[in-house]
Amino acid sequence: MIFECGSCKKKYKYDESKLGDKSSVKAKCPNCGSIIEIQNPSYIESITQVSREKLSPSMEEEIGEQTIAAGKASSTGLLKMPEGKKLSLAVIQGNQVGEVFKVIKPRTIIGRSEADIIIKDLEASRQHAAIEVMGDRILLRDLGSTNGTFVDEKSITTAYLDNQIEFRIGTTIFMLIITEA
């Protein structure tokens, strides 16, 4: 499989069989030294879809198509930061209210520990959710957390995010902010 460094954009080849049953592995870019997270395509293809409890059939179909498209993009290495834009997560409620985290990698893990963005929230799992960026499309993915991830107070497994949309992990509420670079 081919993957790209999110920082220097250099492309590398990686043997998928080394991933085994792990969802991803981390490696250091030989060119710039950045940490790269390599996604396991087999794991990503087993993607689960948004909770369908209160969705209309047309919404289910649209979300299903988006989720499948996201899975294909992830598994083919199309995760990449948008050109000319910066992404940030602002904490608008919780222990770290007012804090702003920059999203600098196409796959950013949010959690209590062992994550790219660490939040001080006892209701958050160690690796709770991930932001996956595919150019202008931004996907929020719950990583099998204990207490769930919520958009509009609905439990999700995956959901696309737009500018200034809010989501909750534990007792922490984030707002995605997209600005021009």
Protein backbone atom coordinates (compact mmCIF):
# COMPACT_ATOMS: atom_id res chain seq x y z
CA MET A 1 0.00 0.00 0.00
CA ILE A 2 1.07 3.60 -0.63
CA PHE A 3 0.67 6.30 2.03
CA GLU A 4 1.66 9.94 2.25
CA CYS A 5 3.32 11.93 5.03
CA GLY A 6 0.88 14.61 6.17
CA SER A 7 3.71 17.08 6.76
CA CYS A 8 6.15 16.83 3.85
CA LYS A 9 3.79 15.03 1.39
CA LYS A 10 6.42 12.40 0.55
CA LYS A 11 4.92 9.03 -0.44
CA TYR A 12 6.03 5.66 0.89
CA LYS A 13 5.23 2.01 0.30
CA TYR A 14 4.23 -0.17 3.28
CA ASP A 15 3.62 -3.93 3.50
CA GLU A 16 -0.02 -4.34 4.67
CA SER A 17 0.68 -7.79 6.11
CA LYS A 18 2.73 -6.12 8.89
CA LEU A 19 -0.46 -4.51 10.21
CA GLY A 20 -2.10 -7.82 11.19
CA ASP A 21 -5.36 -7.13 13.04
CA LYS A 22 -4.32 -3.65 14.29
CA SER A 23 -6.40 -0.67 13.13
CA SER A 24 -3.24 1.36 12.51
CA VAL A 25 0.46 1.68 13.29
CA LYS A 26 2.66 4.72 13.78
CA ALA A 27 5.90 5.28 11.89
CA LYS A 28 8.44 8.08 11.64
CA CYS A 29 8.81 9.81 8.27
CA PRO A 30 12.43 9.30 7.14
CA ASN A 31 12.30 12.60 5.25
CA CYS A 32 10.98 15.10 7.84
CA GLY A 33 10.77 13.09 11.08
CA SER A 34 6.99 13.56 11.54
CA ILE A 35 4.98 10.74 13.07
CA ILE A 36 2.74 9.10 10.46
CA GLU A 37 -0.25 6.92 11.31
CA ILE A 38 -0.69 4.13 8.77
CA GLN A 39 -4.29 2.89 8.53
CA ASN A 40 -5.10 -0.80 8.08
CA PRO A 41 -7.40 -1.01 5.01
CA SER A 42 -8.87 -4.32 6.24
CA TYR A 43 -9.87 -2.72 9.53
CA ILE A 44 -11.32 0.39 7.89
CA GLU A 45 -13.42 -1.67 5.47
CA SER A 46 -15.26 -3.11 8.46
CA ILE A 47 -16.61 0.40 9.09
CA THR A 48 -19.83 0.71 11.02
CA GLN A 49 -22.44 3.26 10.08
CA VAL A 50 -24.17 6.08 11.94
CA SER A 51 -26.78 5.05 14.50
CA ARG A 52 -30.03 4.71 12.55
CA GLU A 53 -32.50 4.92 15.41
CA LYS A 54 -34.17 8.18 14.32
CA LEU A 55 -33.10 8.54 10.70
CA SER A 56 -35.46 8.62 7.75
CA PRO A 57 -34.78 6.09 4.95
CA SER A 58 -33.42 8.85 2.67
CA MET A 59 -31.04 10.03 5.42
CA GLU A 60 -29.92 6.43 6.02
CA GLU A 61 -29.15 6.02 2.33
CA GLU A 62 -27.19 9.30 2.16
CA ILE A 63 -25.20 8.57 5.32
CA GLY A 64 -24.52 5.01 4.17
CA GLU A 65 -23.13 6.27 0.87
CA GLN A 66 -20.95 8.83 2.67
CA THR A 67 -19.67 6.22 5.13
CA ILE A 68 -18.80 3.79 2.35
CA ALA A 69 -17.05 6.60 0.45
CA ALA A 70 -15.10 7.52 3.59
CA GLY A 71 -14.06 3.90 4.10
CA LYS A 72 -12.82 3.67 0.52
CA ALA A 73 -10.95 6.97 0.84
CA SER A 74 -9.30 5.82 4.06
CA SER A 75 -8.39 2.40 2.72
CA THR A 76 -6.88 3.80 -0.48
CA GLY A 77 -4.73 6.32 1.40
CA LEU A 78 -6.70 9.42 0.37
CA LEU A 79 -6.62 10.97 3.82
CA LYS A 80 -5.11 14.43 3.33
CA MET A 81 -5.39 17.88 4.79
CA PRO A 82 -7.39 20.47 2.80
CA GLU A 83 -5.38 22.87 0.69
CA GLY A 84 -5.41 26.49 1.83
CA LYS A 85 -7.36 25.79 5.03
CA LYS A 86 -6.60 25.26 8.71
CA LEU A 87 -8.64 23.06 11.02
CA SER A 88 -9.02 23.59 14.76
CA LEU A 89 -11.11 22.13 17.57
CA ALA A 90 -12.25 24.68 20.15
CA VAL A 91 -13.44 23.42 23.54
CA ILE A 92 -16.67 25.29 24.24
CA GLN A 93 -17.76 23.32 27.32
CA GLY A 94 -15.90 21.10 29.77
CA ASN A 95 -12.74 21.10 31.86
CA GLN A 96 -10.66 22.78 29.16
CA VAL A 97 -13.15 25.42 27.98
CA GLY A 98 -11.44 28.07 25.86
CA GLU A 99 -8.63 25.78 24.75
CA VAL A 100 -8.09 25.41 20.98
CA PHE A 101 -6.39 22.38 19.43
CA LYS A 102 -4.94 22.52 15.91
CA VAL A 103 -5.70 19.56 13.66
CA ILE A 104 -2.46 19.07 11.74
CA LYS A 105 -2.71 15.42 10.69
CA PRO A 106 -5.25 13.87 8.32
CA ARG A 107 -6.16 11.36 11.06
CA THR A 108 -6.18 12.87 14.53
CA ILE A 109 -7.09 10.80 17.58
CA ILE A 110 -8.92 12.48 20.49
CA GLY A 111 -8.94 10.87 23.92
CA ARG A 112 -7.95 10.84 27.57
CA SER A 113 -4.44 9.45 26.85
CA GLU A 114 -2.51 7.78 24.02
CA ALA A 115 -4.03 10.35 21.62
CA ASP A 116 -2.99 13.29 19.45
CA ILE A 117 -5.42 15.59 21.29
CA ILE A 118 -5.55 14.73 24.98
CA ILE A 119 -8.57 15.92 26.95
CA LYS A 120 -8.95 16.02 30.73
CA ASP A 121 -12.28 14.23 30.87
CA LEU A 122 -12.87 11.12 32.96
CA GLU A 123 -15.81 10.14 30.74
CA ALA A 124 -13.58 9.99 27.65
CA SER A 125 -11.91 6.75 26.61
CA ARG A 126 -8.12 6.63 26.16
CA GLN A 127 -8.59 6.71 22.38
CA HIS A 128 -12.16 7.92 22.08
CA ALA A 129 -12.70 9.29 18.56
CA ALA A 130 -10.84 10.25 15.40
CA ILE A 131 -11.08 13.16 13.00
CA GLU A 132 -10.36 11.88 9.48
CA VAL A 133 -9.73 14.53 6.84
CA MET A 134 -10.15 13.71 3.15
CA GLY A 135 -9.48 17.08 1.52
CA ASP A 136 -12.61 19.15 2.10
CA ARG A 137 -14.53 16.26 3.75
CA ILE A 138 -14.11 15.84 7.51
CA LEU A 139 -15.32 12.68 9.20
CA LEU A 140 -15.73 12.15 12.95
CA ARG A 141 -15.39 8.47 13.90
CA ASP A 142 -16.10 6.94 17.31
CA LEU A 143 -13.35 4.41 18.11
CA GLY A 144 -15.51 2.02 20.12
CA SER A 145 -15.56 4.32 23.14
CA THR A 146 -17.32 3.34 26.35
CA ASN A 147 -19.56 6.41 26.61
CA GLY A 148 -20.05 7.24 22.93
CA THR A 149 -19.53 10.24 20.67
CA PHE A 150 -22.41 12.63 20.00
CA VAL A 151 -23.34 15.08 17.24
CA ASP A 152 -26.54 17.07 17.88
CA GLU A 153 -26.90 14.89 21.00
CA LYS A 154 -27.30 11.78 18.81
CA SER A 155 -24.89 8.91 19.33
CA ILE A 156 -22.80 8.31 16.20
CA THR A 157 -20.25 5.83 14.94
CA THR A 158 -19.36 8.11 12.01
CA ALA A 159 -20.59 11.56 10.99
CA TYR A 160 -19.44 14.19 8.54
CA LEU A 161 -18.62 17.56 10.09
CA ASP A 162 -18.99 21.05 8.67
CA ASN A 163 -17.53 24.34 9.85
CA GLN A 164 -18.74 25.37 13.34
CA ILE A 165 -20.53 22.09 14.04
CA GLU A 166 -20.42 20.94 17.65
CA PHE A 167 -19.81 17.43 18.96
CA ARG A 168 -19.45 15.90 22.41
CA ILE A 169 -16.94 13.44 23.84
CA GLY A 170 -17.67 12.66 27.50
CA THR A 171 -18.52 16.02 29.08
CA THR A 172 -16.34 17.97 26.63
CA ILE A 173 -18.06 19.80 23.78
CA PHE A 174 -15.91 20.73 20.77
CA MET A 175 -16.60 23.05 17.86
CA LEU A 176 -14.84 22.39 14.54
CA ILE A 177 -13.44 25.61 13.11
CA ILE A 178 -12.26 25.81 9.49
CA THR A 179 -10.33 28.94 8.50
CA GLU A 180 -8.36 30.08 5.46
CA ALA A 181 -4.62 29.43 5.77
